[in-house]
Amino acid sequence: MAKVRGTSHVPMILGIIGGVLGLPGSVCAGACAAGLSSLSEAATEASATAAGNTFMYLGLLGSILGLVFGILAKKMPLVSGILMLVAAVLVCITLVTFSFLNLVTVILFIIGGIFAIVQKKETD
Protein backbone atom coordinates (compact mmCIF):
# COMPACT_ATOMS: atom_id res chain seq x y z
CA MET A 1 0.00 0.00 0.00
CA ALA A 2 1.32 3.43 -0.91
CA LYS A 3 1.97 5.97 1.81
CA VAL A 4 0.01 9.19 1.49
CA ARG A 5 1.69 12.46 2.40
CA GLY A 6 0.54 16.03 2.29
CA THR A 7 2.26 18.45 -0.02
CA SER A 8 1.62 21.72 1.78
CA HIS A 9 3.58 23.12 4.72
CA VAL A 10 0.65 25.34 5.75
CA PRO A 11 -1.02 22.90 8.22
CA MET A 12 2.30 22.20 9.90
CA ILE A 13 3.18 25.88 10.29
CA LEU A 14 -0.29 26.87 11.51
CA GLY A 15 -0.38 23.94 13.96
CA ILE A 16 3.00 24.84 15.44
CA ILE A 17 2.19 28.55 15.76
CA GLY A 18 -1.25 27.79 17.20
CA GLY A 19 0.17 25.32 19.70
CA VAL A 20 2.87 27.70 20.86
CA LEU A 21 0.37 30.56 21.26
CA GLY A 22 -2.15 28.28 22.94
CA LEU A 23 0.11 27.22 25.80
CA PRO A 24 0.28 30.62 27.53
CA GLY A 25 -3.30 31.29 26.42
CA SER A 26 -4.52 28.24 28.31
CA VAL A 27 -2.75 29.34 31.50
CA CYS A 28 -4.35 32.77 31.08
CA ALA A 29 -7.76 31.16 30.50
CA GLY A 30 -7.39 29.15 33.71
CA ALA A 31 -6.46 32.22 35.72
CA CYS A 32 -9.30 34.25 34.21
CA ALA A 33 -11.82 31.46 34.87
CA ALA A 34 -10.73 31.23 38.49
CA GLY A 35 -10.92 35.00 38.87
CA LEU A 36 -14.31 35.28 37.21
CA SER A 37 -15.82 32.45 39.22
CA SER A 38 -14.47 33.88 42.48
CA LEU A 39 -16.47 37.05 41.83
CA SER A 40 -19.69 35.08 42.19
CA GLU A 41 -21.33 35.36 45.59
CA ALA A 42 -22.06 31.64 45.75
CA ALA A 43 -18.50 30.61 44.83
CA THR A 44 -16.06 29.17 47.29
CA GLU A 45 -12.30 29.07 46.93
CA ALA A 46 -12.47 25.39 45.99
CA SER A 47 -15.01 25.95 43.23
CA ALA A 48 -13.01 28.86 41.80
CA THR A 49 -9.87 26.73 41.78
CA ALA A 50 -11.73 23.85 40.13
CA ALA A 51 -13.07 26.14 37.40
CA GLY A 52 -9.61 27.55 36.76
CA ASN A 53 -8.04 24.10 36.59
CA THR A 54 -10.73 22.80 34.25
CA PHE A 55 -10.31 25.61 31.74
CA MET A 56 -6.52 25.48 31.97
CA TYR A 57 -6.40 21.71 31.36
CA LEU A 58 -8.84 21.94 28.45
CA GLY A 59 -6.69 24.64 26.86
CA LEU A 60 -3.45 22.76 27.50
CA LEU A 61 -4.85 19.52 26.10
CA GLY A 62 -6.11 21.27 22.97
CA SER A 63 -2.87 23.20 22.48
CA ILE A 64 -0.65 20.16 22.88
CA LEU A 65 -2.91 18.09 20.63
CA GLY A 66 -2.84 20.77 17.94
CA LEU A 67 0.93 21.21 18.25
CA VAL A 68 1.69 17.50 17.97
CA PHE A 69 -0.61 16.89 15.04
CA GLY A 70 0.52 20.10 13.38
CA ILE A 71 4.03 18.67 13.41
CA LEU A 72 2.73 15.38 11.96
CA ALA A 73 0.64 17.08 9.25
CA LYS A 74 3.07 16.16 6.44
CA LYS A 75 3.11 12.45 7.33
CA MET A 76 -0.56 11.93 8.23
CA PRO A 77 -2.58 14.78 6.68
CA LEU A 78 -6.11 13.42 7.16
CA VAL A 79 -5.63 12.31 10.77
CA SER A 80 -3.79 15.52 11.59
CA GLY A 81 -6.52 17.65 10.05
CA ILE A 82 -9.28 15.93 12.00
CA LEU A 83 -7.41 16.09 15.29
CA MET A 84 -6.46 19.73 14.75
CA LEU A 85 -10.18 20.46 14.40
CA VAL A 86 -10.80 18.53 17.64
CA ALA A 87 -8.05 20.61 19.27
CA ALA A 88 -9.78 23.75 18.00
CA VAL A 89 -13.02 22.66 19.68
CA LEU A 90 -11.21 22.00 22.98
CA VAL A 91 -9.52 25.39 22.93
CA CYS A 92 -12.77 27.02 21.77
CA ILE A 93 -14.44 25.96 25.04
CA THR A 94 -12.00 28.22 26.88
CA LEU A 95 -13.13 31.28 24.91
CA VAL A 96 -15.72 32.06 27.60
CA THR A 97 -12.81 33.59 29.54
CA PHE A 98 -12.25 36.15 26.74
CA SER A 99 -8.64 35.13 26.07
CA PHE A 100 -7.33 36.72 22.86
CA LEU A 101 -4.51 34.19 22.51
CA ASN A 102 -7.01 31.34 22.55
CA LEU A 103 -9.10 33.06 19.88
CA VAL A 104 -6.04 33.27 17.63
CA THR A 105 -5.22 29.63 18.45
CA VAL A 106 -8.70 28.46 17.49
CA ILE A 107 -8.56 30.32 14.19
CA LEU A 108 -5.12 28.89 13.35
CA PHE A 109 -6.17 25.33 14.24
CA ILE A 110 -9.35 25.56 12.15
CA ILE A 111 -7.53 26.90 9.10
CA GLY A 112 -4.67 24.40 9.50
CA GLY A 113 -7.07 21.49 10.01
CA ILE A 114 -9.10 22.37 6.93
CA PHE A 115 -5.94 22.79 4.86
CA ALA A 116 -4.65 19.39 6.01
CA ILE A 117 -7.89 17.67 5.07
CA VAL A 118 -8.48 19.26 1.64
CA GLN A 119 -4.91 19.64 0.39
CA LYS A 120 -3.66 17.72 -2.62
CA LYS A 121 -2.03 14.49 -1.45
CA GLU A 122 0.98 12.77 -2.97
CA THR A 123 1.67 9.03 -2.77
CA ASP A 124 5.04 7.35 -2.43
C-alpha atoms as a PDB file:
ATOM      1  CA  MET A   1       0.000   0.000   0.000  1.00  0.00           C
ATOM      2  CA  ALA A   2       1.325   3.426  -0.911  1.00  0.00           C
ATOM      3  CA  LYS A   3       1.971   5.967   1.806  1.00  0.00           C
ATOM      4  CA  VAL A   4       0.013   9.187   1.489  1.00  0.00           C
ATOM      5  CA  ARG A   5       1.693  12.461   2.398  1.00  0.00           C
ATOM      6  CA  GLY A   6       0.542  16.026   2.289  1.00  0.00           C
ATOM      7  CA  THR A   7       2.256  18.454  -0.024  1.00  0.00           C
ATOM      8  CA  SER A   8       1.617  21.725   1.785  1.00  0.00           C
ATOM      9  CA  HIS A   9       3.578  23.121   4.719  1.00  0.00           C
ATOM     10  CA  VAL A  10       0.647  25.336   5.746  1.00  0.00           C
ATOM     11  CA  PRO A  11      -1.019  22.900   8.218  1.00  0.00           C
ATOM     12  CA  MET A  12       2.302  22.203   9.905  1.00  0.00           C
ATOM     13  CA  ILE A  13       3.178  25.885  10.291  1.00  0.00           C
ATOM     14  CA  LEU A  14      -0.293  26.868  11.508  1.00  0.00           C
ATOM     15  CA  GLY A  15      -0.380  23.944  13.961  1.00  0.00           C
ATOM     16  CA  ILE A  16       2.996  24.842  15.438  1.00  0.00           C
ATOM     17  CA  ILE A  17       2.190  28.551  15.759  1.00  0.00           C
ATOM     18  CA  GLY A  18      -1.249  27.788  17.199  1.00  0.00           C
ATOM     19  CA  GLY A  19       0.167  25.319  19.700  1.00  0.00           C
ATOM     20  CA  VAL A  20       2.872  27.703  20.861  1.00  0.00           C
ATOM     21  CA  LEU A  21       0.372  30.563  21.262  1.00  0.00           C
ATOM     22  CA  GLY A  22      -2.151  28.282  22.936  1.00  0.00           C
ATOM     23  CA  LEU A  23       0.115  27.220  25.795  1.00  0.00           C
ATOM     24  CA  PRO A  24       0.284  30.624  27.531  1.00  0.00           C
ATOM     25  CA  GLY A  25      -3.296  31.287  26.423  1.00  0.00           C
ATOM     26  CA  SER A  26      -4.521  28.241  28.313  1.00  0.00           C
ATOM     27  CA  VAL A  27      -2.753  29.342  31.496  1.00  0.00           C
ATOM     28  CA  CYS A  28      -4.352  32.767  31.084  1.00  0.00           C
ATOM     29  CA  ALA A  29      -7.761  31.162  30.503  1.00  0.00           C
ATOM     30  CA  GLY A  30      -7.390  29.152  33.710  1.00  0.00           C
ATOM     31  CA  ALA A  31      -6.465  32.224  35.720  1.00  0.00           C
ATOM     32  CA  CYS A  32      -9.297  34.247  34.214  1.00  0.00           C
ATOM     33  CA  ALA A  33     -11.818  31.460  34.866  1.00  0.00           C
ATOM     34  CA  ALA A  34     -10.732  31.231  38.491  1.00  0.00           C
ATOM     35  CA  GLY A  35     -10.916  34.996  38.866  1.00  0.00           C
ATOM     36  CA  LEU A  36     -14.307  35.282  37.209  1.00  0.00           C
ATOM     37  CA  SER A  37     -15.818  32.451  39.220  1.00  0.00           C
ATOM     38  CA  SER A  38     -14.466  33.885  42.478  1.00  0.00           C
ATOM     39  CA  LEU A  39     -16.474  37.045  41.833  1.00  0.00           C
ATOM     40  CA  SER A  40     -19.693  35.079  42.192  1.00  0.00           C
ATOM     41  CA  GLU A  41     -21.333  35.360  45.593  1.00  0.00           C
ATOM     42  CA  ALA A  42     -22.064  31.640  45.746  1.00  0.00           C
ATOM     43  CA  ALA A  43     -18.501  30.606  44.834  1.00  0.00           C
ATOM     44  CA  THR A  44     -16.057  29.174  47.295  1.00  0.00           C
ATOM     45  CA  GLU A  45     -12.302  29.073  46.930  1.00  0.00           C
ATOM     46  CA  ALA A  46     -12.466  25.392  45.994  1.00  0.00           C
ATOM     47  CA  SER A  47     -15.015  25.946  43.230  1.00  0.00           C
ATOM     48  CA  ALA A  48     -13.010  28.863  41.804  1.00  0.00           C
ATOM     49  CA  THR A  49      -9.871  26.727  41.778  1.00  0.00           C
ATOM     50  CA  ALA A  50     -11.734  23.849  40.134  1.00  0.00           C
ATOM     51  CA  ALA A  51     -13.068  26.137  37.402  1.00  0.00           C
ATOM     52  CA  GLY A  52      -9.608  27.549  36.760  1.00  0.00           C
ATOM     53  CA  ASN A  53      -8.039  24.103  36.591  1.00  0.00           C
ATOM     54  CA  THR A  54     -10.731  22.803  34.248  1.00  0.00           C
ATOM     55  CA  PHE A  55     -10.305  25.612  31.739  1.00  0.00           C
ATOM     56  CA  MET A  56      -6.524  25.480  31.972  1.00  0.00           C
ATOM     57  CA  TYR A  57      -6.402  21.713  31.364  1.00  0.00           C
ATOM     58  CA  LEU A  58      -8.840  21.941  28.446  1.00  0.00           C
ATOM     59  CA  GLY A  59      -6.691  24.637  26.858  1.00  0.00           C
ATOM     60  CA  LEU A  60      -3.448  22.762  27.498  1.00  0.00           C
ATOM     61  CA  LEU A  61      -4.854  19.518  26.095  1.00  0.00           C
ATOM     62  CA  GLY A  62      -6.106  21.272  22.971  1.00  0.00           C
ATOM     63  CA  SER A  63      -2.871  23.202  22.477  1.00  0.00           C
ATOM     64  CA  ILE A  64      -0.645  20.161  22.877  1.00  0.00           C
ATOM     65  CA  LEU A  65      -2.908  18.086  20.633  1.00  0.00           C
ATOM     66  CA  GLY A  66      -2.835  20.767  17.941  1.00  0.00           C
ATOM     67  CA  LEU A  67       0.925  21.210  18.253  1.00  0.00           C
ATOM     68  CA  VAL A  68       1.693  17.497  17.970  1.00  0.00           C
ATOM     69  CA  PHE A  69      -0.613  16.886  15.035  1.00  0.00           C
ATOM     70  CA  GLY A  70       0.517  20.103  13.381  1.00  0.00           C
ATOM     71  CA  ILE A  71       4.034  18.669  13.409  1.00  0.00           C
ATOM     72  CA  LEU A  72       2.733  15.383  11.959  1.00  0.00           C
ATOM     73  CA  ALA A  73       0.642  17.076   9.247  1.00  0.00           C
ATOM     74  CA  LYS A  74       3.069  16.162   6.437  1.00  0.00           C
ATOM     75  CA  LYS A  75       3.113  12.453   7.325  1.00  0.00           C
ATOM     76  CA  MET A  76      -0.562  11.930   8.228  1.00  0.00           C
ATOM     77  CA  PRO A  77      -2.577  14.777   6.682  1.00  0.00           C
ATOM     78  CA  LEU A  78      -6.105  13.415   7.163  1.00  0.00           C
ATOM     79  CA  VAL A  79      -5.635  12.310  10.774  1.00  0.00           C
ATOM     80  CA  SER A  80      -3.795  15.525  11.588  1.00  0.00           C
ATOM     81  CA  GLY A  81      -6.516  17.654  10.052  1.00  0.00           C
ATOM     82  CA  ILE A  82      -9.285  15.932  12.000  1.00  0.00           C
ATOM     83  CA  LEU A  83      -7.408  16.094  15.293  1.00  0.00           C
ATOM     84  CA  MET A  84      -6.464  19.735  14.746  1.00  0.00           C
ATOM     85  CA  LEU A  85     -10.177  20.458  14.402  1.00  0.00           C
ATOM     86  CA  VAL A  86     -10.795  18.528  17.643  1.00  0.00           C
ATOM     87  CA  ALA A  87      -8.050  20.614  19.269  1.00  0.00           C
ATOM     88  CA  ALA A  88      -9.779  23.755  18.002  1.00  0.00           C
ATOM     89  CA  VAL A  89     -13.018  22.657  19.683  1.00  0.00           C
ATOM     90  CA  LEU A  90     -11.209  22.003  22.979  1.00  0.00           C
ATOM     91  CA  VAL A  91      -9.523  25.391  22.927  1.00  0.00           C
ATOM     92  CA  CYS A  92     -12.773  27.024  21.772  1.00  0.00           C
ATOM     93  CA  ILE A  93     -14.436  25.957  25.039  1.00  0.00           C
ATOM     94  CA  THR A  94     -11.996  28.219  26.884  1.00  0.00           C
ATOM     95  CA  LEU A  95     -13.133  31.278  24.914  1.00  0.00           C
ATOM     96  CA  VAL A  96     -15.723  32.055  27.602  1.00  0.00           C
ATOM     97  CA  THR A  97     -12.809  33.590  29.535  1.00  0.00           C
ATOM     98  CA  PHE A  98     -12.247  36.153  26.741  1.00  0.00           C
ATOM     99  CA  SER A  99      -8.637  35.126  26.071  1.00  0.00           C
ATOM    100  CA  PHE A 100      -7.335  36.722  22.861  1.00  0.00           C
ATOM    101  CA  LEU A 101      -4.506  34.186  22.510  1.00  0.00           C
ATOM    102  CA  ASN A 102      -7.010  31.344  22.550  1.00  0.00           C
ATOM    103  CA  LEU A 103      -9.096  33.059  19.884  1.00  0.00           C
ATOM    104  CA  VAL A 104      -6.038  33.266  17.628  1.00  0.00           C
ATOM    105  CA  THR A 105      -5.220  29.633  18.446  1.00  0.00           C
ATOM    106  CA  VAL A 106      -8.704  28.455  17.490  1.00  0.00           C
ATOM    107  CA  ILE A 107      -8.563  30.319  14.189  1.00  0.00           C
ATOM    108  CA  LEU A 108      -5.123  28.891  13.350  1.00  0.00           C
ATOM    109  CA  PHE A 109      -6.175  25.326  14.239  1.00  0.00           C
ATOM    110  CA  ILE A 110      -9.352  25.562  12.151  1.00  0.00           C
ATOM    111  CA  ILE A 111      -7.527  26.903   9.098  1.00  0.00           C
ATOM    112  CA  GLY A 112      -4.673  24.400   9.499  1.00  0.00           C
ATOM    113  CA  GLY A 113      -7.068  21.486  10.005  1.00  0.00           C
ATOM    114  CA  ILE A 114      -9.101  22.370   6.927  1.00  0.00           C
ATOM    115  CA  PHE A 115      -5.935  22.791   4.856  1.00  0.00           C
ATOM    116  CA  ALA A 116      -4.650  19.394   6.012  1.00  0.00           C
ATOM    117  CA  ILE A 117      -7.889  17.668   5.071  1.00  0.00           C
ATOM    118  CA  VAL A 118      -8.482  19.257   1.644  1.00  0.00           C
ATOM    119  CA  GLN A 119      -4.905  19.638   0.391  1.00  0.00           C
ATOM    120  CA  LYS A 120      -3.664  17.719  -2.620  1.00  0.00           C
ATOM    121  CA  LYS A 121      -2.028  14.487  -1.446  1.00  0.00           C
ATOM    122  CA  GLU A 122       0.976  12.767  -2.969  1.00  0.00           C
ATOM    123  CA  THR A 123       1.674   9.027  -2.774  1.00  0.00           C
ATOM    124  CA  ASP A 124       5.040   7.355  -2.427  1.00  0.00           C
END
